[in-house]
Amino acid sequence: MKKLIYISAIALLTSCGLLNGGGIIIDKPTVPSVNICENVATDADVTTMKGQIEGQSFKDERMDRAKLVTKGYCFKSAQVVNLMDSFQFPDAELEIAKHLYKNTTDQENYYLCVDALAHKSDRDDLKAYMAAN
């Protein structure tokens, strides 16, 4: 009886493709890359973040503060547009849009961020960045 069970197990493993050439093949499972965030930003969070960013006087300070206060959060595309409005210079808007792209839960709507950019070259740059990421 033991032999029959053993043969059945071998037959099962072979038919499933798990047994090959006398050994068992164990493949590492492929898991898609998923960006996991610690917190999902609420609109109230974004309003607070925007105030903290706008409280900085200089462009570089605003960018540093933006990266600090947004760390660990995920955003909706419309919230990213709201944060982009915290910057006075188009290059800074583009930079924060790129920075937050991977932390956006609805990347299919990121065209909102593209459309919020004033210069065609910046829109093209963001679209190229999105395509590469």
N, C-alpha and C. Protein backbone atom coordinates (compact mmCIF):
# COMPACT_ATOMS: atom_id res chain seq x y z
N MET A 1 0.82 -1.18 0.00
CA MET A 1 0.00 0.00 0.00
C MET A 1 0.88 1.25 0.00
N LYS A 2 1.96 1.27 0.77
CA LYS A 2 2.84 2.43 0.81
C LYS A 2 3.42 2.71 -0.56
N LYS A 3 3.77 1.67 -1.28
CA LYS A 3 4.36 1.83 -2.60
C LYS A 3 3.36 2.49 -3.55
N LEU A 4 2.12 2.13 -3.48
CA LEU A 4 1.08 2.68 -4.34
C LEU A 4 0.92 4.19 -4.07
N ILE A 5 0.93 4.58 -2.83
CA ILE A 5 0.81 5.99 -2.47
C ILE A 5 2.03 6.75 -2.97
N TYR A 6 3.22 6.20 -2.80
CA TYR A 6 4.44 6.83 -3.26
C TYR A 6 4.41 7.04 -4.77
N ILE A 7 3.99 6.03 -5.48
CA ILE A 7 3.90 6.13 -6.93
C ILE A 7 2.87 7.18 -7.32
N SER A 8 1.78 7.26 -6.61
CA SER A 8 0.75 8.25 -6.91
C SER A 8 1.27 9.66 -6.67
N ALA A 9 2.05 9.83 -5.61
CA ALA A 9 2.61 11.14 -5.33
C ALA A 9 3.58 11.54 -6.43
N ILE A 10 4.41 10.59 -6.88
CA ILE A 10 5.36 10.85 -7.96
C ILE A 10 4.59 11.19 -9.23
N ALA A 11 3.56 10.45 -9.53
CA ALA A 11 2.77 10.71 -10.73
C ALA A 11 2.13 12.09 -10.65
N LEU A 12 1.63 12.45 -9.48
CA LEU A 12 1.00 13.75 -9.30
C LEU A 12 2.03 14.88 -9.49
N LEU A 13 3.18 14.75 -8.88
CA LEU A 13 4.22 15.77 -9.00
C LEU A 13 4.69 15.90 -10.45
N THR A 14 4.82 14.78 -11.14
CA THR A 14 5.27 14.79 -12.53
C THR A 14 4.22 15.43 -13.43
N SER A 15 2.96 15.09 -13.21
CA SER A 15 1.91 15.64 -14.06
C SER A 15 1.73 17.14 -13.84
N CYS A 16 2.06 17.62 -12.66
CA CYS A 16 1.95 19.06 -12.37
C CYS A 16 3.20 19.82 -12.79
N GLY A 17 4.20 19.12 -13.26
CA GLY A 17 5.42 19.77 -13.69
C GLY A 17 6.35 20.12 -12.54
N LEU A 18 6.10 19.57 -11.37
CA LEU A 18 6.94 19.87 -10.22
C LEU A 18 8.08 18.89 -10.06
N LEU A 19 8.05 17.80 -10.77
CA LEU A 19 9.11 16.80 -10.69
C LEU A 19 9.77 16.72 -12.05
N ASN A 20 11.06 16.86 -12.07
CA ASN A 20 11.77 16.88 -13.34
C ASN A 20 13.13 16.22 -13.14
N GLY A 21 13.40 15.16 -13.85
CA GLY A 21 14.69 14.50 -13.82
C GLY A 21 15.05 13.94 -12.46
N GLY A 22 14.08 13.47 -11.71
CA GLY A 22 14.36 12.85 -10.43
C GLY A 22 14.41 13.82 -9.26
N GLY A 23 14.23 15.12 -9.48
CA GLY A 23 14.24 16.07 -8.38
C GLY A 23 13.02 16.97 -8.42
N ILE A 24 12.73 17.56 -7.31
CA ILE A 24 11.60 18.48 -7.24
C ILE A 24 12.08 19.89 -7.56
N ILE A 25 11.37 20.54 -8.45
CA ILE A 25 11.70 21.90 -8.84
C ILE A 25 10.84 22.86 -8.01
N ILE A 26 11.50 23.75 -7.36
CA ILE A 26 10.78 24.77 -6.59
C ILE A 26 11.14 26.11 -7.18
N ASP A 27 10.17 26.74 -7.79
CA ASP A 27 10.39 28.05 -8.39
C ASP A 27 10.06 29.13 -7.38
N LYS A 28 10.90 30.16 -7.40
CA LYS A 28 10.62 31.33 -6.57
C LYS A 28 9.38 32.01 -7.15
N PRO A 29 8.39 32.25 -6.32
CA PRO A 29 7.19 32.90 -6.86
C PRO A 29 7.49 34.33 -7.30
N THR A 30 6.85 34.72 -8.38
CA THR A 30 7.03 36.09 -8.84
C THR A 30 5.93 36.94 -8.25
N VAL A 31 6.33 37.98 -7.59
CA VAL A 31 5.39 38.89 -6.96
C VAL A 31 5.58 40.24 -7.62
N PRO A 32 4.49 40.83 -8.11
CA PRO A 32 4.64 42.13 -8.75
C PRO A 32 5.13 43.18 -7.76
N SER A 33 5.90 44.13 -8.27
CA SER A 33 6.40 45.21 -7.43
C SER A 33 5.22 46.11 -7.06
N VAL A 34 5.01 46.28 -5.77
CA VAL A 34 3.91 47.09 -5.29
C VAL A 34 4.48 48.16 -4.38
N ASN A 35 4.06 49.38 -4.63
CA ASN A 35 4.48 50.48 -3.77
C ASN A 35 3.53 50.55 -2.59
N ILE A 36 4.04 50.28 -1.41
CA ILE A 36 3.22 50.29 -0.21
C ILE A 36 3.51 51.56 0.56
N CYS A 37 2.45 52.25 0.95
CA CYS A 37 2.65 53.46 1.73
C CYS A 37 2.18 53.23 3.16
N GLU A 38 2.70 54.05 4.03
CA GLU A 38 2.35 53.94 5.43
C GLU A 38 0.99 54.55 5.72
N ASN A 39 0.67 55.66 5.03
CA ASN A 39 -0.55 56.40 5.28
C ASN A 39 -1.16 56.87 3.97
N VAL A 40 -2.47 56.86 3.92
CA VAL A 40 -3.18 57.44 2.78
C VAL A 40 -3.58 58.85 3.18
N ALA A 41 -3.15 59.83 2.41
CA ALA A 41 -3.40 61.23 2.75
C ALA A 41 -4.87 61.58 2.58
N THR A 42 -5.41 62.27 3.56
CA THR A 42 -6.75 62.82 3.46
C THR A 42 -6.62 64.23 2.89
N ASP A 43 -7.73 64.82 2.51
CA ASP A 43 -7.69 66.19 2.02
C ASP A 43 -7.22 67.14 3.14
N ALA A 44 -7.60 66.83 4.37
CA ALA A 44 -7.14 67.64 5.51
C ALA A 44 -5.63 67.54 5.67
N ASP A 45 -5.07 66.34 5.47
CA ASP A 45 -3.62 66.16 5.53
C ASP A 45 -2.94 67.02 4.46
N VAL A 46 -3.50 67.01 3.26
CA VAL A 46 -2.91 67.76 2.15
C VAL A 46 -2.96 69.26 2.45
N THR A 47 -4.07 69.73 3.02
CA THR A 47 -4.18 71.15 3.38
C THR A 47 -3.11 71.52 4.40
N THR A 48 -2.89 70.66 5.39
CA THR A 48 -1.86 70.91 6.39
C THR A 48 -0.48 70.90 5.75
N MET A 49 -0.22 69.92 4.89
CA MET A 49 1.07 69.84 4.20
C MET A 49 1.32 71.08 3.36
N LYS A 50 0.28 71.51 2.65
CA LYS A 50 0.41 72.68 1.79
C LYS A 50 0.77 73.91 2.62
N GLY A 51 0.14 74.07 3.76
CA GLY A 51 0.46 75.19 4.64
C GLY A 51 1.90 75.14 5.13
N GLN A 52 2.37 73.94 5.44
CA GLN A 52 3.76 73.79 5.91
C GLN A 52 4.75 74.11 4.78
N ILE A 53 4.40 73.72 3.58
CA ILE A 53 5.28 74.00 2.43
C ILE A 53 5.30 75.50 2.15
N GLU A 54 4.14 76.10 2.11
CA GLU A 54 4.05 77.53 1.78
C GLU A 54 4.63 78.41 2.89
N GLY A 55 4.80 77.86 4.07
CA GLY A 55 5.41 78.60 5.16
C GLY A 55 6.91 78.81 4.99
N GLN A 56 7.49 78.16 4.01
CA GLN A 56 8.93 78.30 3.74
C GLN A 56 9.13 79.42 2.72
N SER A 57 10.16 80.21 2.92
CA SER A 57 10.38 81.40 2.09
C SER A 57 11.03 81.11 0.74
N PHE A 58 11.94 80.15 0.70
CA PHE A 58 12.73 79.94 -0.50
C PHE A 58 12.36 78.64 -1.19
N LYS A 59 12.58 78.63 -2.50
CA LYS A 59 12.23 77.49 -3.35
C LYS A 59 12.82 76.17 -2.82
N ASP A 60 14.12 76.17 -2.52
CA ASP A 60 14.77 74.95 -2.04
C ASP A 60 14.21 74.49 -0.70
N GLU A 61 13.91 75.47 0.17
CA GLU A 61 13.31 75.13 1.47
C GLU A 61 11.92 74.54 1.29
N ARG A 62 11.18 75.08 0.35
CA ARG A 62 9.83 74.54 0.07
C ARG A 62 9.92 73.09 -0.42
N MET A 63 10.88 72.84 -1.31
CA MET A 63 11.01 71.48 -1.83
C MET A 63 11.44 70.52 -0.73
N ASP A 64 12.40 70.94 0.08
CA ASP A 64 12.84 70.09 1.18
C ASP A 64 11.67 69.79 2.13
N ARG A 65 10.89 70.82 2.45
CA ARG A 65 9.75 70.63 3.35
C ARG A 65 8.70 69.73 2.70
N ALA A 66 8.47 69.92 1.40
CA ALA A 66 7.48 69.08 0.70
C ALA A 66 7.88 67.61 0.76
N LYS A 67 9.14 67.34 0.51
CA LYS A 67 9.60 65.94 0.54
C LYS A 67 9.52 65.37 1.95
N LEU A 68 9.75 66.21 2.94
CA LEU A 68 9.69 65.77 4.33
C LEU A 68 8.25 65.46 4.76
N VAL A 69 7.33 66.38 4.49
CA VAL A 69 5.96 66.20 4.99
C VAL A 69 5.16 65.18 4.19
N THR A 70 5.58 64.89 2.96
CA THR A 70 4.85 63.90 2.15
C THR A 70 5.41 62.49 2.29
N LYS A 71 6.53 62.36 2.95
CA LYS A 71 7.18 61.05 3.10
C LYS A 71 6.24 60.07 3.82
N GLY A 72 6.09 58.89 3.22
CA GLY A 72 5.28 57.85 3.83
C GLY A 72 3.80 57.94 3.51
N TYR A 73 3.40 58.89 2.70
CA TYR A 73 1.99 59.05 2.34
C TYR A 73 1.74 58.66 0.89
N CYS A 74 0.52 58.21 0.63
CA CYS A 74 0.04 58.00 -0.73
C CYS A 74 -1.00 59.07 -1.02
N PHE A 75 -1.09 59.47 -2.28
CA PHE A 75 -1.96 60.56 -2.67
C PHE A 75 -2.82 60.19 -3.86
N LYS A 76 -3.91 60.93 -4.03
CA LYS A 76 -4.69 60.90 -5.26
C LYS A 76 -4.10 61.98 -6.17
N SER A 77 -4.27 61.82 -7.45
CA SER A 77 -3.71 62.77 -8.41
C SER A 77 -4.17 64.20 -8.13
N ALA A 78 -5.44 64.39 -7.81
CA ALA A 78 -5.95 65.74 -7.52
C ALA A 78 -5.26 66.35 -6.31
N GLN A 79 -4.89 65.52 -5.34
CA GLN A 79 -4.16 66.02 -4.17
C GLN A 79 -2.75 66.46 -4.56
N VAL A 80 -2.13 65.75 -5.48
CA VAL A 80 -0.80 66.14 -5.96
C VAL A 80 -0.88 67.50 -6.65
N VAL A 81 -1.93 67.71 -7.45
CA VAL A 81 -2.11 69.01 -8.10
C VAL A 81 -2.21 70.11 -7.03
N ASN A 82 -2.94 69.84 -5.97
CA ASN A 82 -3.07 70.80 -4.88
C ASN A 82 -1.71 71.12 -4.27
N LEU A 83 -0.89 70.11 -4.07
CA LEU A 83 0.46 70.32 -3.53
C LEU A 83 1.35 71.06 -4.52
N MET A 84 1.19 70.78 -5.80
CA MET A 84 1.97 71.47 -6.82
C MET A 84 1.73 72.98 -6.77
N ASP A 85 0.51 73.36 -6.40
CA ASP A 85 0.16 74.78 -6.31
C ASP A 85 0.94 75.51 -5.22
N SER A 86 1.62 74.77 -4.36
CA SER A 86 2.41 75.37 -3.28
C SER A 86 3.71 76.00 -3.79
N PHE A 87 4.03 75.73 -5.03
CA PHE A 87 5.31 76.18 -5.58
C PHE A 87 5.10 77.31 -6.56
N GLN A 88 6.01 78.26 -6.54
CA GLN A 88 5.90 79.45 -7.38
C GLN A 88 6.62 79.29 -8.72
N PHE A 89 7.46 78.28 -8.83
CA PHE A 89 8.26 78.12 -10.04
C PHE A 89 7.89 76.82 -10.75
N PRO A 90 7.75 76.88 -12.09
CA PRO A 90 7.36 75.70 -12.85
C PRO A 90 8.29 74.50 -12.67
N ASP A 91 9.60 74.73 -12.55
CA ASP A 91 10.51 73.60 -12.40
C ASP A 91 10.28 72.89 -11.07
N ALA A 92 9.88 73.63 -10.05
CA ALA A 92 9.59 73.01 -8.75
C ALA A 92 8.29 72.21 -8.81
N GLU A 93 7.31 72.71 -9.55
CA GLU A 93 6.06 71.97 -9.73
C GLU A 93 6.34 70.63 -10.41
N LEU A 94 7.17 70.67 -11.44
CA LEU A 94 7.55 69.45 -12.15
C LEU A 94 8.28 68.50 -11.22
N GLU A 95 9.20 69.01 -10.43
CA GLU A 95 9.98 68.16 -9.53
C GLU A 95 9.10 67.45 -8.51
N ILE A 96 8.16 68.17 -7.91
CA ILE A 96 7.31 67.53 -6.90
C ILE A 96 6.34 66.55 -7.59
N ALA A 97 5.90 66.87 -8.79
CA ALA A 97 5.02 65.95 -9.53
C ALA A 97 5.75 64.62 -9.80
N LYS A 98 7.01 64.71 -10.19
CA LYS A 98 7.80 63.49 -10.42
C LYS A 98 8.02 62.75 -9.10
N HIS A 99 8.34 63.51 -8.06
CA HIS A 99 8.64 62.91 -6.77
C HIS A 99 7.45 62.12 -6.21
N LEU A 100 6.24 62.62 -6.42
CA LEU A 100 5.05 61.98 -5.83
C LEU A 100 4.38 60.97 -6.76
N TYR A 101 4.86 60.84 -7.99
CA TYR A 101 4.20 59.94 -8.95
C TYR A 101 4.07 58.51 -8.43
N LYS A 102 5.14 57.97 -7.90
CA LYS A 102 5.12 56.58 -7.44
C LYS A 102 4.27 56.40 -6.19
N ASN A 103 3.94 57.49 -5.52
CA ASN A 103 3.11 57.42 -4.31
C ASN A 103 1.67 57.81 -4.61
N THR A 104 1.28 57.71 -5.85
CA THR A 104 -0.07 58.08 -6.25
C THR A 104 -0.89 56.82 -6.49
N THR A 105 -2.05 56.79 -5.86
CA THR A 105 -2.89 55.59 -5.92
C THR A 105 -3.69 55.48 -7.20
N ASP A 106 -3.90 56.59 -7.88
CA ASP A 106 -4.68 56.57 -9.13
C ASP A 106 -3.84 57.12 -10.28
N GLN A 107 -2.78 56.42 -10.59
CA GLN A 107 -1.86 56.90 -11.63
C GLN A 107 -2.55 57.06 -12.98
N GLU A 108 -3.65 56.37 -13.18
CA GLU A 108 -4.39 56.52 -14.43
C GLU A 108 -4.98 57.93 -14.57
N ASN A 109 -5.05 58.67 -13.48
CA ASN A 109 -5.55 60.05 -13.49
C ASN A 109 -4.44 61.08 -13.39
N TYR A 110 -3.20 60.66 -13.53
CA TYR A 110 -2.08 61.59 -13.37
C TYR A 110 -2.02 62.62 -14.48
N TYR A 111 -2.85 62.45 -15.49
CA TYR A 111 -2.95 63.48 -16.52
C TYR A 111 -3.37 64.81 -15.90
N LEU A 112 -4.04 64.78 -14.74
CA LEU A 112 -4.40 66.00 -14.04
C LEU A 112 -3.15 66.80 -13.67
N CYS A 113 -2.12 66.10 -13.25
CA CYS A 113 -0.85 66.74 -12.90
C CYS A 113 -0.15 67.25 -14.15
N VAL A 114 -0.20 66.46 -15.20
CA VAL A 114 0.40 66.88 -16.47
C VAL A 114 -0.27 68.17 -16.94
N ASP A 115 -1.60 68.19 -16.90
CA ASP A 115 -2.35 69.36 -17.36
C ASP A 115 -2.12 70.59 -16.48
N ALA A 116 -1.73 70.38 -15.23
CA ALA A 116 -1.51 71.51 -14.31
C ALA A 116 -0.20 72.24 -14.60
N LEU A 117 0.67 71.63 -15.37
CA LEU A 117 1.95 72.27 -15.69
C LEU A 117 1.77 73.29 -16.81
N ALA A 118 2.38 74.46 -16.65
CA ALA A 118 2.17 75.57 -17.58
C ALA A 118 2.91 75.40 -18.90
N HIS A 119 4.09 74.80 -18.86
CA HIS A 119 4.93 74.73 -20.06
C HIS A 119 4.84 73.36 -20.72
N LYS A 120 4.75 73.38 -22.05
CA LYS A 120 4.67 72.13 -22.81
C LYS A 120 5.89 71.26 -22.56
N SER A 121 7.06 71.85 -22.47
CA SER A 121 8.28 71.07 -22.24
C SER A 121 8.19 70.33 -20.89
N ASP A 122 7.61 70.97 -19.87
CA ASP A 122 7.44 70.32 -18.57
C ASP A 122 6.41 69.19 -18.67
N ARG A 123 5.34 69.44 -19.42
CA ARG A 123 4.32 68.39 -19.60
C ARG A 123 4.93 67.18 -20.31
N ASP A 124 5.72 67.45 -21.34
CA ASP A 124 6.38 66.35 -22.06
C ASP A 124 7.36 65.62 -21.16
N ASP A 125 8.09 66.36 -20.34
CA ASP A 125 9.05 65.77 -19.41
C ASP A 125 8.33 64.86 -18.41
N LEU A 126 7.21 65.32 -17.86
CA LEU A 126 6.47 64.49 -16.90
C LEU A 126 5.89 63.26 -17.57
N LYS A 127 5.37 63.39 -18.78
CA LYS A 127 4.84 62.22 -19.49
C LYS A 127 5.94 61.19 -19.75
N ALA A 128 7.12 61.65 -20.13
CA ALA A 128 8.24 60.74 -20.35
C ALA A 128 8.63 60.05 -19.05
N TYR A 129 8.63 60.80 -17.96
CA TYR A 129 8.96 60.22 -16.65
C TYR A 129 7.93 59.15 -16.28
N MET A 130 6.67 59.44 -16.50
CA MET A 130 5.62 58.47 -16.18
C MET A 130 5.77 57.21 -17.03
N ALA A 131 6.08 57.35 -18.28
CA ALA A 131 6.24 56.19 -19.16
C ALA A 131 7.42 55.32 -18.74
N ALA A 132 8.45 55.94 -18.19
CA ALA A 132 9.64 55.20 -17.77
C ALA A 132 9.47 54.55 -16.39
N ASN A 133 8.51 55.00 -15.64
CA ASN A 133 8.31 54.49 -14.29
C ASN A 133 7.00 53.79 -14.23
